Amino acid sequence: MFALTDKVAIVTGASSGIGRATAKLFAAEGASLVIAARRKAELDLLADEIEEAGGSAVALAGDVRDEAYAKALVDLAVETFGGLDIAFNNVGAVGQMGSISELSLDGWRETLDTNLTSAFLGAKYQVPAMIKRGGGSLIFTSTFVGHTVGMPGMTSYAASKAGLIGLTQVLAAEYGPQGLRVNALLPGGTDTPAATFKTPESRTFVENLHALKRVA
């Protein structure tokens, strides 16, 4: 028996990076998975890999900023696996960068919708489903940017990710008594396909923000 045997989990942003690695780890630990991202081909490939390794996963591609998609993911978990125990709302984007005087309103809104509003929409449908199971684990991917450090040119990203921490604290206080654990992960700089290290100098800058002087 593994740590997540008989558990059902949703993982968003599962087509690459942290989300993909998490989905494979959850599956290896026994969880049945609903994996979500915009890129259908990458999701289908991941589902195949999980199934070939003896796990169980279904993929549904869509946009996490769409409320209907947030509901559909939960419905799929319930219809396919009987309920929901874990939700990892991991989707995130750096978004438009630049000084605040250069940041467009559309750029600001797109980043907040992708990083923060999507988490609200996910939780809106995930929480009731987990409460029906007697509780569970609700997880968001935030960051140290906007929490312990400010990085120039990342206004909307920092604001959206700091907002996730506030969302986490409120949901933890509101639903903790009903058996729901709510946490935000602050993984720091991570070398993923979507990493924004354009130059060796930019990577070194980010590495030096960490106690171990490296990215994950």
N, C-alpha and C. Protein backbone atom coordinates (compact mmCIF):
# COMPACT_ATOMS: atom_id res chain seq x y z
N MET A 1 0.84 -1.20 0.00
CA MET A 1 0.00 0.00 0.00
C MET A 1 0.88 1.25 0.00
N PHE A 2 0.56 2.18 -0.88
CA PHE A 2 1.34 3.40 -1.01
C PHE A 2 0.67 4.55 -0.25
N ALA A 3 1.39 5.68 -0.16
CA ALA A 3 0.91 6.82 0.63
C ALA A 3 -0.42 7.36 0.12
N LEU A 4 -0.67 7.27 -1.18
CA LEU A 4 -1.89 7.84 -1.75
C LEU A 4 -2.83 6.79 -2.33
N THR A 5 -2.71 5.56 -1.88
CA THR A 5 -3.61 4.50 -2.34
C THR A 5 -5.06 4.88 -2.05
N ASP A 6 -5.93 4.72 -3.05
CA ASP A 6 -7.37 5.00 -2.96
C ASP A 6 -7.68 6.50 -2.93
N LYS A 7 -6.68 7.35 -3.15
CA LYS A 7 -6.92 8.78 -3.21
C LYS A 7 -7.11 9.22 -4.66
N VAL A 8 -7.90 10.27 -4.85
CA VAL A 8 -8.15 10.83 -6.17
C VAL A 8 -7.65 12.27 -6.18
N ALA A 9 -6.86 12.60 -7.21
CA ALA A 9 -6.24 13.93 -7.25
C ALA A 9 -6.42 14.60 -8.59
N ILE A 10 -6.62 15.91 -8.56
CA ILE A 10 -6.56 16.76 -9.74
C ILE A 10 -5.23 17.50 -9.71
N VAL A 11 -4.53 17.52 -10.84
CA VAL A 11 -3.30 18.30 -10.97
C VAL A 11 -3.43 19.18 -12.20
N THR A 12 -3.37 20.51 -12.02
CA THR A 12 -3.41 21.42 -13.16
C THR A 12 -1.99 21.82 -13.54
N GLY A 13 -1.85 22.27 -14.77
CA GLY A 13 -0.51 22.57 -15.27
C GLY A 13 0.32 21.32 -15.38
N ALA A 14 -0.32 20.21 -15.71
CA ALA A 14 0.34 18.90 -15.66
C ALA A 14 1.11 18.56 -16.93
N SER A 15 1.07 19.41 -17.93
CA SER A 15 1.72 19.05 -19.20
C SER A 15 3.23 19.18 -19.15
N SER A 16 3.78 19.90 -18.16
CA SER A 16 5.23 20.05 -18.07
C SER A 16 5.62 20.53 -16.68
N GLY A 17 6.92 20.58 -16.44
CA GLY A 17 7.47 21.19 -15.23
C GLY A 17 7.01 20.56 -13.94
N ILE A 18 6.73 21.40 -12.95
CA ILE A 18 6.35 20.95 -11.61
C ILE A 18 5.07 20.12 -11.65
N GLY A 19 4.10 20.53 -12.45
CA GLY A 19 2.84 19.80 -12.53
C GLY A 19 3.02 18.39 -13.06
N ARG A 20 3.82 18.25 -14.10
CA ARG A 20 4.05 16.93 -14.69
C ARG A 20 4.78 16.01 -13.70
N ALA A 21 5.80 16.54 -13.06
CA ALA A 21 6.56 15.75 -12.08
C ALA A 21 5.67 15.34 -10.91
N THR A 22 4.81 16.26 -10.48
CA THR A 22 3.91 15.95 -9.36
C THR A 22 2.91 14.87 -9.74
N ALA A 23 2.34 14.97 -10.94
CA ALA A 23 1.36 13.97 -11.38
C ALA A 23 2.00 12.58 -11.41
N LYS A 24 3.21 12.48 -11.91
CA LYS A 24 3.88 11.18 -11.97
C LYS A 24 4.19 10.66 -10.56
N LEU A 25 4.56 11.55 -9.65
CA LEU A 25 4.83 11.13 -8.27
C LEU A 25 3.55 10.68 -7.58
N PHE A 26 2.47 11.46 -7.74
CA PHE A 26 1.19 11.07 -7.13
C PHE A 26 0.75 9.70 -7.63
N ALA A 27 0.90 9.49 -8.94
CA ALA A 27 0.50 8.20 -9.52
C ALA A 27 1.35 7.07 -8.96
N ALA A 28 2.66 7.32 -8.84
CA ALA A 28 3.56 6.29 -8.30
C ALA A 28 3.23 5.96 -6.85
N GLU A 29 2.61 6.93 -6.15
CA GLU A 29 2.22 6.71 -4.75
C GLU A 29 0.80 6.19 -4.62
N GLY A 30 0.17 5.85 -5.76
CA GLY A 30 -1.11 5.16 -5.70
C GLY A 30 -2.35 5.96 -6.01
N ALA A 31 -2.20 7.27 -6.27
CA ALA A 31 -3.38 8.10 -6.53
C ALA A 31 -3.92 7.88 -7.93
N SER A 32 -5.24 8.01 -8.08
CA SER A 32 -5.87 8.09 -9.40
C SER A 32 -5.95 9.56 -9.77
N LEU A 33 -5.65 9.87 -11.03
CA LEU A 33 -5.42 11.27 -11.40
C LEU A 33 -6.35 11.78 -12.48
N VAL A 34 -6.75 13.04 -12.31
CA VAL A 34 -7.31 13.84 -13.39
C VAL A 34 -6.26 14.90 -13.68
N ILE A 35 -5.68 14.87 -14.87
CA ILE A 35 -4.60 15.81 -15.22
C ILE A 35 -5.13 16.86 -16.18
N ALA A 36 -4.69 18.10 -15.96
CA ALA A 36 -5.27 19.23 -16.66
C ALA A 36 -4.18 20.18 -17.16
N ALA A 37 -4.40 20.71 -18.34
CA ALA A 37 -3.54 21.73 -18.94
C ALA A 37 -4.18 22.12 -20.26
N ARG A 38 -3.60 23.09 -20.95
CA ARG A 38 -4.15 23.49 -22.25
C ARG A 38 -3.73 22.56 -23.37
N ARG A 39 -2.55 21.97 -23.26
CA ARG A 39 -1.98 21.19 -24.37
C ARG A 39 -2.42 19.73 -24.29
N LYS A 40 -3.35 19.35 -25.18
CA LYS A 40 -3.94 18.01 -25.15
C LYS A 40 -2.92 16.92 -25.46
N ALA A 41 -2.08 17.16 -26.44
CA ALA A 41 -1.12 16.12 -26.84
C ALA A 41 -0.18 15.78 -25.70
N GLU A 42 0.32 16.78 -25.01
CA GLU A 42 1.22 16.55 -23.88
C GLU A 42 0.51 15.85 -22.73
N LEU A 43 -0.74 16.22 -22.49
CA LEU A 43 -1.53 15.57 -21.44
C LEU A 43 -1.78 14.11 -21.76
N ASP A 44 -2.14 13.84 -22.99
CA ASP A 44 -2.40 12.45 -23.40
C ASP A 44 -1.14 11.60 -23.27
N LEU A 45 0.00 12.18 -23.61
CA LEU A 45 1.27 11.46 -23.47
C LEU A 45 1.54 11.14 -22.01
N LEU A 46 1.30 12.10 -21.12
CA LEU A 46 1.51 11.86 -19.69
C LEU A 46 0.56 10.79 -19.17
N ALA A 47 -0.70 10.85 -19.58
CA ALA A 47 -1.66 9.83 -19.15
C ALA A 47 -1.22 8.44 -19.59
N ASP A 48 -0.71 8.36 -20.81
CA ASP A 48 -0.22 7.07 -21.31
C ASP A 48 0.96 6.58 -20.48
N GLU A 49 1.89 7.48 -20.13
CA GLU A 49 3.05 7.11 -19.33
C GLU A 49 2.61 6.58 -17.96
N ILE A 50 1.64 7.25 -17.36
CA ILE A 50 1.14 6.83 -16.05
C ILE A 50 0.48 5.47 -16.14
N GLU A 51 -0.34 5.27 -17.15
CA GLU A 51 -1.02 3.99 -17.33
C GLU A 51 -0.02 2.86 -17.59
N GLU A 52 0.99 3.13 -18.41
CA GLU A 52 2.00 2.12 -18.71
C GLU A 52 2.80 1.73 -17.48
N ALA A 53 2.93 2.65 -16.53
CA ALA A 53 3.66 2.38 -15.30
C ALA A 53 2.78 1.72 -14.23
N GLY A 54 1.52 1.44 -14.61
CA GLY A 54 0.61 0.77 -13.68
C GLY A 54 -0.31 1.68 -12.92
N GLY A 55 -0.29 2.98 -13.26
CA GLY A 55 -1.15 3.94 -12.58
C GLY A 55 -2.46 4.16 -13.31
N SER A 56 -3.21 5.14 -12.85
CA SER A 56 -4.52 5.44 -13.43
C SER A 56 -4.67 6.94 -13.60
N ALA A 57 -4.95 7.37 -14.83
CA ALA A 57 -5.09 8.81 -15.09
C ALA A 57 -6.01 9.06 -16.27
N VAL A 58 -6.77 10.14 -16.16
CA VAL A 58 -7.56 10.64 -17.28
C VAL A 58 -7.16 12.10 -17.52
N ALA A 59 -7.16 12.49 -18.78
CA ALA A 59 -6.73 13.84 -19.15
C ALA A 59 -7.91 14.64 -19.69
N LEU A 60 -7.95 15.91 -19.33
CA LEU A 60 -8.95 16.82 -19.88
C LEU A 60 -8.26 18.16 -20.14
N ALA A 61 -8.15 18.53 -21.40
CA ALA A 61 -7.49 19.78 -21.77
C ALA A 61 -8.47 20.93 -21.70
N GLY A 62 -7.97 22.10 -21.31
CA GLY A 62 -8.81 23.28 -21.24
C GLY A 62 -8.08 24.44 -20.61
N ASP A 63 -8.80 25.53 -20.41
CA ASP A 63 -8.25 26.77 -19.88
C ASP A 63 -8.72 26.95 -18.44
N VAL A 64 -7.79 26.99 -17.50
CA VAL A 64 -8.15 27.08 -16.08
C VAL A 64 -8.84 28.39 -15.73
N ARG A 65 -8.81 29.36 -16.63
CA ARG A 65 -9.51 30.63 -16.39
C ARG A 65 -11.00 30.51 -16.69
N ASP A 66 -11.42 29.37 -17.20
CA ASP A 66 -12.81 29.12 -17.58
C ASP A 66 -13.52 28.38 -16.45
N GLU A 67 -14.55 28.98 -15.88
CA GLU A 67 -15.25 28.36 -14.75
C GLU A 67 -15.85 27.01 -15.13
N ALA A 68 -16.35 26.89 -16.34
CA ALA A 68 -16.93 25.61 -16.76
C ALA A 68 -15.88 24.50 -16.76
N TYR A 69 -14.65 24.85 -17.09
CA TYR A 69 -13.57 23.86 -17.09
C TYR A 69 -13.24 23.44 -15.66
N ALA A 70 -13.23 24.38 -14.73
CA ALA A 70 -12.97 24.05 -13.32
C ALA A 70 -14.01 23.06 -12.81
N LYS A 71 -15.25 23.28 -13.16
CA LYS A 71 -16.32 22.36 -12.75
C LYS A 71 -16.19 21.01 -13.44
N ALA A 72 -15.82 21.04 -14.71
CA ALA A 72 -15.71 19.80 -15.48
C ALA A 72 -14.62 18.89 -14.92
N LEU A 73 -13.54 19.45 -14.43
CA LEU A 73 -12.47 18.64 -13.87
C LEU A 73 -12.95 17.89 -12.63
N VAL A 74 -13.69 18.59 -11.77
CA VAL A 74 -14.22 17.94 -10.57
C VAL A 74 -15.25 16.89 -10.95
N ASP A 75 -16.13 17.24 -11.88
CA ASP A 75 -17.13 16.27 -12.34
C ASP A 75 -16.47 15.01 -12.88
N LEU A 76 -15.37 15.19 -13.63
CA LEU A 76 -14.66 14.05 -14.20
C LEU A 76 -14.04 13.18 -13.11
N ALA A 77 -13.51 13.81 -12.08
CA ALA A 77 -12.94 13.05 -10.96
C ALA A 77 -14.01 12.23 -10.25
N VAL A 78 -15.16 12.83 -10.04
CA VAL A 78 -16.25 12.15 -9.35
C VAL A 78 -16.83 11.03 -10.21
N GLU A 79 -17.05 11.31 -11.49
CA GLU A 79 -17.66 10.32 -12.38
C GLU A 79 -16.72 9.15 -12.67
N THR A 80 -15.42 9.43 -12.77
CA THR A 80 -14.46 8.39 -13.15
C THR A 80 -13.95 7.61 -11.95
N PHE A 81 -13.68 8.32 -10.85
CA PHE A 81 -13.02 7.67 -9.72
C PHE A 81 -13.84 7.69 -8.42
N GLY A 82 -15.00 8.34 -8.43
CA GLY A 82 -15.88 8.30 -7.28
C GLY A 82 -15.79 9.44 -6.31
N GLY A 83 -14.89 10.40 -6.53
CA GLY A 83 -14.77 11.53 -5.61
C GLY A 83 -13.48 12.28 -5.83
N LEU A 84 -13.14 13.13 -4.86
CA LEU A 84 -11.93 13.94 -4.94
C LEU A 84 -11.33 14.11 -3.55
N ASP A 85 -10.03 13.85 -3.43
CA ASP A 85 -9.32 13.96 -2.15
C ASP A 85 -8.22 15.01 -2.16
N ILE A 86 -7.63 15.26 -3.33
CA ILE A 86 -6.49 16.16 -3.46
C ILE A 86 -6.66 17.03 -4.69
N ALA A 87 -6.36 18.31 -4.56
CA ALA A 87 -6.35 19.19 -5.73
C ALA A 87 -5.09 20.05 -5.67
N PHE A 88 -4.27 19.93 -6.70
CA PHE A 88 -3.04 20.71 -6.80
C PHE A 88 -3.23 21.73 -7.91
N ASN A 89 -3.56 22.96 -7.52
CA ASN A 89 -3.78 24.04 -8.47
C ASN A 89 -2.43 24.70 -8.76
N ASN A 90 -1.79 24.20 -9.78
CA ASN A 90 -0.39 24.50 -10.02
C ASN A 90 -0.16 25.44 -11.20
N VAL A 91 -1.16 25.65 -12.03
CA VAL A 91 -0.98 26.48 -13.22
C VAL A 91 -0.48 27.87 -12.84
N GLY A 92 0.48 28.35 -13.62
CA GLY A 92 0.99 29.70 -13.38
C GLY A 92 1.73 30.23 -14.58
N ALA A 93 1.79 31.54 -14.69
CA ALA A 93 2.52 32.18 -15.78
C ALA A 93 3.16 33.46 -15.27
N VAL A 94 4.34 33.75 -15.77
CA VAL A 94 5.02 35.00 -15.39
C VAL A 94 4.24 36.19 -15.91
N GLY A 95 3.72 36.06 -17.12
CA GLY A 95 2.94 37.14 -17.70
C GLY A 95 3.79 38.28 -18.23
N GLN A 96 3.12 39.37 -18.54
CA GLN A 96 3.80 40.54 -19.09
C GLN A 96 4.74 41.14 -18.05
N MET A 97 5.96 41.40 -18.46
CA MET A 97 6.95 41.97 -17.55
C MET A 97 7.29 43.40 -17.97
N GLY A 98 7.84 44.15 -17.03
CA GLY A 98 8.21 45.53 -17.30
C GLY A 98 7.85 46.43 -16.14
N SER A 99 8.26 47.67 -16.22
CA SER A 99 7.92 48.62 -15.16
C SER A 99 6.42 48.85 -15.13
N ILE A 100 5.92 49.32 -14.01
CA ILE A 100 4.47 49.46 -13.86
C ILE A 100 3.90 50.46 -14.85
N SER A 101 4.69 51.44 -15.26
CA SER A 101 4.20 52.43 -16.23
C SER A 101 4.07 51.83 -17.63
N GLU A 102 4.75 50.69 -17.85
CA GLU A 102 4.69 50.02 -19.15
C GLU A 102 3.69 48.86 -19.17
N LEU A 103 3.22 48.47 -18.00
CA LEU A 103 2.34 47.31 -17.89
C LEU A 103 0.93 47.66 -18.35
N SER A 104 0.40 46.91 -19.30
CA SER A 104 -0.94 47.17 -19.80
C SER A 104 -1.99 46.58 -18.86
N LEU A 105 -3.17 47.14 -18.90
CA LEU A 105 -4.27 46.62 -18.09
C LEU A 105 -4.61 45.20 -18.53
N ASP A 106 -4.55 44.93 -19.82
CA ASP A 106 -4.82 43.58 -20.31
C ASP A 106 -3.77 42.60 -19.79
N GLY A 107 -2.50 43.04 -19.78
CA GLY A 107 -1.43 42.19 -19.27
C GLY A 107 -1.60 41.89 -17.80
N TRP A 108 -1.96 42.91 -17.03
CA TRP A 108 -2.22 42.75 -15.60
C TRP A 108 -3.36 41.75 -15.37
N ARG A 109 -4.45 41.94 -16.07
CA ARG A 109 -5.62 41.08 -15.88
C ARG A 109 -5.34 39.63 -16.30
N GLU A 110 -4.61 39.46 -17.39
CA GLU A 110 -4.31 38.11 -17.86
C GLU A 110 -3.48 37.34 -16.83
N THR A 111 -2.50 38.00 -16.23
CA THR A 111 -1.66 37.33 -15.23
C THR A 111 -2.46 37.00 -13.98
N LEU A 112 -3.27 37.93 -13.50
CA LEU A 112 -4.09 37.65 -12.32
C LEU A 112 -5.13 36.57 -12.59
N ASP A 113 -5.71 36.59 -13.78
CA ASP A 113 -6.69 35.55 -14.11
C ASP A 113 -6.03 34.17 -14.17
N THR A 114 -4.83 34.11 -14.75
CA THR A 114 -4.14 32.83 -14.89
C THR A 114 -3.67 32.29 -13.54
N ASN A 115 -3.11 33.14 -12.71
CA ASN A 115 -2.47 32.69 -11.48
C ASN A 115 -3.38 32.69 -10.25
N LEU A 116 -4.30 33.62 -10.19
CA LEU A 116 -5.11 33.79 -8.98
C LEU A 116 -6.58 33.43 -9.19
N THR A 117 -7.20 34.00 -10.21
CA THR A 117 -8.61 33.72 -10.45
C THR A 117 -8.82 32.24 -10.75
N SER A 118 -7.89 31.63 -11.47
CA SER A 118 -8.00 30.20 -11.77
C SER A 118 -7.99 29.36 -10.50
N ALA A 119 -7.20 29.79 -9.51
CA ALA A 119 -7.15 29.07 -8.24
C ALA A 119 -8.46 29.21 -7.48
N PHE A 120 -9.04 30.41 -7.51
CA PHE A 120 -10.36 30.61 -6.92
C PHE A 120 -11.40 29.72 -7.57
N LEU A 121 -11.40 29.68 -8.91
CA LEU A 121 -12.38 28.87 -9.62
C LEU A 121 -12.19 27.38 -9.33
N GLY A 122 -10.93 26.95 -9.27
CA GLY A 122 -10.67 25.56 -8.93
C GLY A 122 -11.20 25.22 -7.55
N ALA A 123 -10.84 26.04 -6.57
CA ALA A 123 -11.25 25.78 -5.19
C ALA A 123 -12.77 25.82 -5.03
N LYS A 124 -13.42 26.67 -5.79
CA LYS A 124 -14.88 26.82 -5.70
C LYS A 124 -15.59 25.48 -5.88
N TYR A 125 -15.07 24.64 -6.78
CA TYR A 125 -15.69 23.35 -7.05
C TYR A 125 -14.97 22.20 -6.35
N GLN A 126 -13.68 22.35 -6.10
CA GLN A 126 -12.92 21.29 -5.45
C GLN A 126 -13.28 21.15 -3.97
N VAL A 127 -13.44 22.26 -3.28
CA VAL A 127 -13.69 22.22 -1.85
C VAL A 127 -14.96 21.43 -1.50
N PRO A 128 -16.11 21.71 -2.11
CA PRO A 128 -17.30 20.94 -1.76
C PRO A 128 -17.13 19.44 -2.02
N ALA A 129 -16.44 19.09 -3.11
CA ALA A 129 -16.24 17.67 -3.43
C ALA A 129 -15.37 17.00 -2.37
N MET A 130 -14.35 17.69 -1.88
CA MET A 130 -13.49 17.11 -0.86
C MET A 130 -14.18 17.03 0.50
N ILE A 131 -14.98 18.02 0.80
CA ILE A 131 -15.73 18.00 2.06
C ILE A 131 -16.68 16.80 2.09
N LYS A 132 -17.24 16.45 0.93
CA LYS A 132 -18.12 15.27 0.86
C LYS A 132 -17.37 13.99 1.21
N ARG A 133 -16.06 13.99 1.01
CA ARG A 133 -15.24 12.82 1.32
C ARG A 133 -14.69 12.88 2.74
N GLY A 134 -15.09 13.91 3.49
CA GLY A 134 -14.61 14.05 4.86
C GLY A 134 -13.36 14.87 5.00
N GLY A 135 -12.97 15.55 3.93
CA GLY A 135 -11.78 16.40 3.96
C GLY A 135 -10.82 16.03 2.85
N GLY A 136 -9.64 16.61 2.90
CA GLY A 136 -8.66 16.34 1.87
C GLY A 136 -7.53 17.34 1.92
N SER A 137 -6.86 17.51 0.79
CA SER A 137 -5.70 18.39 0.71
C SER A 137 -5.83 19.29 -0.51
N LEU A 138 -5.88 20.59 -0.27
CA LEU A 138 -5.98 21.60 -1.32
C LEU A 138 -4.65 22.35 -1.36
N ILE A 139 -4.01 22.37 -2.53
CA ILE A 139 -2.66 22.90 -2.65
C ILE A 139 -2.60 23.92 -3.79
N PHE A 140 -1.88 25.02 -3.54
CA PHE A 140 -1.64 26.04 -4.56
C PHE A 140 -0.13 26.23 -4.73
N THR A 141 0.29 26.55 -5.94
CA THR A 141 1.69 26.90 -6.17
C THR A 141 1.82 28.42 -6.16
N SER A 142 2.42 28.95 -5.10
CA SER A 142 2.74 30.37 -5.02
C SER A 142 4.23 30.53 -5.30
N THR A 143 4.88 31.49 -4.69
CA THR A 143 6.30 31.74 -4.90
C THR A 143 6.81 32.69 -3.83
N PHE A 144 8.13 32.74 -3.72
CA PHE A 144 8.74 33.71 -2.82
C PHE A 144 8.67 35.13 -3.39
N VAL A 145 8.45 35.27 -4.69
CA VAL A 145 8.37 36.58 -5.32
C VAL A 145 7.08 37.27 -4.88
N GLY A 146 7.22 38.41 -4.27
CA GLY A 146 6.07 39.12 -3.73
C GLY A 146 5.76 38.75 -2.30
N HIS A 147 6.49 37.76 -1.77
CA HIS A 147 6.29 37.34 -0.38
C HIS A 147 7.51 37.67 0.48
N THR A 148 8.68 37.22 0.05
CA THR A 148 9.90 37.54 0.79
C THR A 148 10.88 38.37 -0.02
N VAL A 149 10.63 38.52 -1.30
CA VAL A 149 11.54 39.32 -2.14
C VAL A 149 10.74 39.96 -3.26
N GLY A 150 11.18 41.13 -3.67
CA GLY A 150 10.58 41.80 -4.82
C GLY A 150 11.57 41.79 -5.97
N MET A 151 11.12 41.34 -7.14
CA MET A 151 11.99 41.30 -8.32
C MET A 151 11.50 42.33 -9.33
N PRO A 152 12.37 43.20 -9.79
CA PRO A 152 11.96 44.25 -10.73
C PRO A 152 11.25 43.70 -11.95
N GLY A 153 10.21 44.40 -12.36
CA GLY A 153 9.51 44.05 -13.59
C GLY A 153 8.48 42.96 -13.46
N MET A 154 8.19 42.51 -12.23
CA MET A 154 7.28 41.38 -12.05
C MET A 154 6.07 41.77 -11.21
N THR A 155 5.53 42.95 -11.46
CA THR A 155 4.43 43.48 -10.66
C THR A 155 3.22 42.56 -10.62
N SER A 156 2.69 42.21 -11.78
CA SER A 156 1.46 41.42 -11.81
C SER A 156 1.70 40.01 -11.31
N TYR A 157 2.85 39.42 -11.63
CA TYR A 157 3.18 38.08 -11.16
C TYR A 157 3.24 38.05 -9.64
N ALA A 158 3.97 39.01 -9.05
CA ALA A 158 4.12 39.06 -7.60
C ALA A 158 2.78 39.27 -6.91
N ALA A 159 1.97 40.17 -7.46
CA ALA A 159 0.66 40.45 -6.85
C ALA A 159 -0.23 39.22 -6.90
N SER A 160 -0.23 38.51 -8.02
CA SER A 160 -1.09 37.35 -8.15
C SER A 160 -0.65 36.22 -7.23
N LYS A 161 0.65 36.01 -7.12
CA LYS A 161 1.15 34.92 -6.29
C LYS A 161 1.03 35.25 -4.80
N ALA A 162 1.18 36.52 -4.43
CA ALA A 162 0.94 36.91 -3.05
C ALA A 162 -0.54 36.74 -2.70
N GLY A 163 -1.40 36.99 -3.67
CA GLY A 163 -2.83 36.78 -3.46
C GLY A 163 -3.16 35.34 -3.15
N LEU A 164 -2.41 34.40 -3.75
CA LEU A 164 -2.63 32.99 -3.46
C LEU A 164 -2.38 32.66 -1.99
N ILE A 165 -1.42 33.35 -1.40
CA ILE A 165 -1.12 33.10 0.02
C ILE A 165 -2.29 33.57 0.88
N GLY A 166 -2.86 34.71 0.56
CA GLY A 166 -4.04 35.16 1.28
C GLY A 166 -5.21 34.23 1.11
N LEU A 167 -5.42 33.75 -0.11
CA LEU A 167 -6.48 32.79 -0.38
C LEU A 167 -6.28 31.52 0.44
N THR A 168 -5.05 31.05 0.49
CA THR A 168 -4.72 29.84 1.25
C THR A 168 -5.05 30.01 2.73
N GLN A 169 -4.66 31.14 3.30
CA GLN A 169 -4.87 31.37 4.73
C GLN A 169 -6.35 31.40 5.09
N VAL A 170 -7.14 32.05 4.25
CA VAL A 170 -8.57 32.13 4.53
C VAL A 170 -9.24 30.76 4.40
N LEU A 171 -8.92 30.03 3.33
CA LEU A 171 -9.54 28.72 3.14
C LEU A 171 -9.11 27.74 4.23
N ALA A 172 -7.87 27.84 4.68
CA ALA A 172 -7.40 26.97 5.77
C ALA A 172 -8.19 27.23 7.05
N ALA A 173 -8.42 28.50 7.35
CA ALA A 173 -9.18 28.85 8.55
C ALA A 173 -10.65 28.47 8.41
N GLU A 174 -11.18 28.61 7.20
CA GLU A 174 -12.60 28.37 6.97
C GLU A 174 -12.95 26.89 6.95
N TYR A 175 -12.08 26.07 6.35
CA TYR A 175 -12.41 24.67 6.14
C TYR A 175 -11.56 23.68 6.92
N GLY A 176 -10.57 24.17 7.64
CA GLY A 176 -9.77 23.29 8.48
C GLY A 176 -10.60 22.47 9.45
N PRO A 177 -11.58 23.08 10.12
CA PRO A 177 -12.41 22.31 11.05
C PRO A 177 -13.21 21.18 10.39
N GLN A 178 -13.33 21.22 9.05
CA GLN A 178 -14.05 20.16 8.34
C GLN A 178 -13.10 19.13 7.71
N GLY A 179 -11.85 19.16 8.13
CA GLY A 179 -10.90 18.15 7.70
C GLY A 179 -10.15 18.48 6.42
N LEU A 180 -10.24 19.73 5.96
CA LEU A 180 -9.54 20.12 4.74
C LEU A 180 -8.24 20.85 5.08
N ARG A 181 -7.12 20.30 4.61
CA ARG A 181 -5.83 20.96 4.75
C ARG A 181 -5.60 21.84 3.52
N VAL A 182 -5.19 23.08 3.73
CA VAL A 182 -4.96 24.00 2.62
C VAL A 182 -3.56 24.58 2.76
N ASN A 183 -2.76 24.41 1.73
CA ASN A 183 -1.37 24.86 1.77
C ASN A 183 -0.95 25.50 0.46
N ALA A 184 -0.02 26.44 0.55
CA ALA A 184 0.61 27.03 -0.63
C ALA A 184 2.08 26.62 -0.63
N LEU A 185 2.54 26.14 -1.77
CA LEU A 185 3.95 25.82 -1.94
C LEU A 185 4.68 27.04 -2.50
N LEU A 186 5.84 27.32 -1.94
CA LEU A 186 6.69 28.41 -2.43
C LEU A 186 8.01 27.80 -2.87
N PRO A 187 8.05 27.19 -4.08
CA PRO A 187 9.22 26.40 -4.45
C PRO A 187 10.46 27.20 -4.81
N GLY A 188 10.33 28.50 -5.01
CA GLY A 188 11.51 29.26 -5.41
C GLY A 188 11.86 29.00 -6.86
N GLY A 189 13.03 29.43 -7.27
CA GLY A 189 13.45 29.26 -8.65
C GLY A 189 13.56 27.80 -9.02
N THR A 190 12.95 27.42 -10.13
CA THR A 190 12.94 26.02 -10.57
C THR A 190 13.25 25.95 -12.06
N ASP A 191 14.16 25.07 -12.41
CA ASP A 191 14.57 24.93 -13.81
C ASP A 191 13.58 24.03 -14.53
N THR A 192 12.62 24.63 -15.21
CA THR A 192 11.59 23.91 -15.97
C THR A 192 11.63 24.38 -17.41
N PRO A 193 10.91 23.69 -18.32
CA PRO A 193 10.89 24.15 -19.71
C PRO A 193 10.39 25.59 -19.87
N ALA A 194 9.60 26.05 -18.92
CA ALA A 194 9.06 27.41 -19.01
C ALA A 194 9.87 28.42 -18.20
N ALA A 195 11.02 28.00 -17.66
CA ALA A 195 11.83 28.91 -16.84
C ALA A 195 12.27 30.12 -17.65
N THR A 196 12.39 31.24 -16.96
CA THR A 196 12.65 32.50 -17.65
C THR A 196 14.12 32.92 -17.57
N PHE A 197 15.02 31.97 -17.53
CA PHE A 197 16.44 32.29 -17.48
C PHE A 197 16.94 32.57 -18.90
N LYS A 198 16.86 33.83 -19.30
CA LYS A 198 17.21 34.19 -20.68
C LYS A 198 18.72 34.23 -20.87
N THR A 199 19.46 34.55 -19.82
CA THR A 199 20.91 34.66 -19.89
C THR A 199 21.53 34.02 -18.66
N PRO A 200 22.82 33.66 -18.73
CA PRO A 200 23.51 33.15 -17.53
C PRO A 200 23.45 34.14 -16.37
N GLU A 201 23.47 35.43 -16.70
CA GLU A 201 23.42 36.45 -15.64
C GLU A 201 22.07 36.43 -14.92
N SER A 202 20.99 36.23 -15.66
CA SER A 202 19.67 36.20 -15.02
C SER A 202 19.54 34.97 -14.14
N ARG A 203 20.10 33.85 -14.57
CA ARG A 203 20.06 32.65 -13.74
C ARG A 203 20.86 32.86 -12.46
N THR A 204 22.04 33.46 -12.59
CA THR A 204 22.89 33.71 -11.42
C THR A 204 22.19 34.64 -10.43
N PHE A 205 21.46 35.64 -10.97
CA PHE A 205 20.72 36.56 -10.10
C PHE A 205 19.70 35.81 -9.26
N VAL A 206 18.95 34.92 -9.92
CA VAL A 206 17.93 34.15 -9.21
C VAL A 206 18.58 33.18 -8.22
N GLU A 207 19.65 32.52 -8.63
CA GLU A 207 20.34 31.59 -7.73
C GLU A 207 20.80 32.30 -6.46
N ASN A 208 21.26 33.52 -6.59
CA ASN A 208 21.78 34.25 -5.43
C ASN A 208 20.69 34.73 -4.47
N LEU A 209 19.43 34.60 -4.88
CA LEU A 209 18.33 34.93 -3.97
C LEU A 209 18.04 33.79 -3.00
N HIS A 210 18.65 32.62 -3.23
CA HIS A 210 18.38 31.42 -2.45
C HIS A 210 19.53 31.12 -1.50
N ALA A 211 19.18 30.56 -0.36
CA ALA A 211 20.19 30.25 0.65
C ALA A 211 21.25 29.27 0.13
N LEU A 212 20.83 28.32 -0.70
CA LEU A 212 21.76 27.32 -1.24
C LEU A 212 22.42 27.76 -2.54
N LYS A 213 22.09 28.97 -3.01
CA LYS A 213 22.69 29.56 -4.22
C LYS A 213 22.51 28.65 -5.44
N ARG A 214 21.32 28.08 -5.56
CA ARG A 214 20.99 27.27 -6.74
C ARG A 214 19.49 27.26 -6.92
N VAL A 215 19.05 26.92 -8.13
CA VAL A 215 17.63 26.72 -8.36
C VAL A 215 17.33 25.23 -8.30
N ALA A 216 16.07 24.90 -8.12
CA ALA A 216 15.67 23.50 -8.02
C ALA A 216 15.71 22.84 -9.38
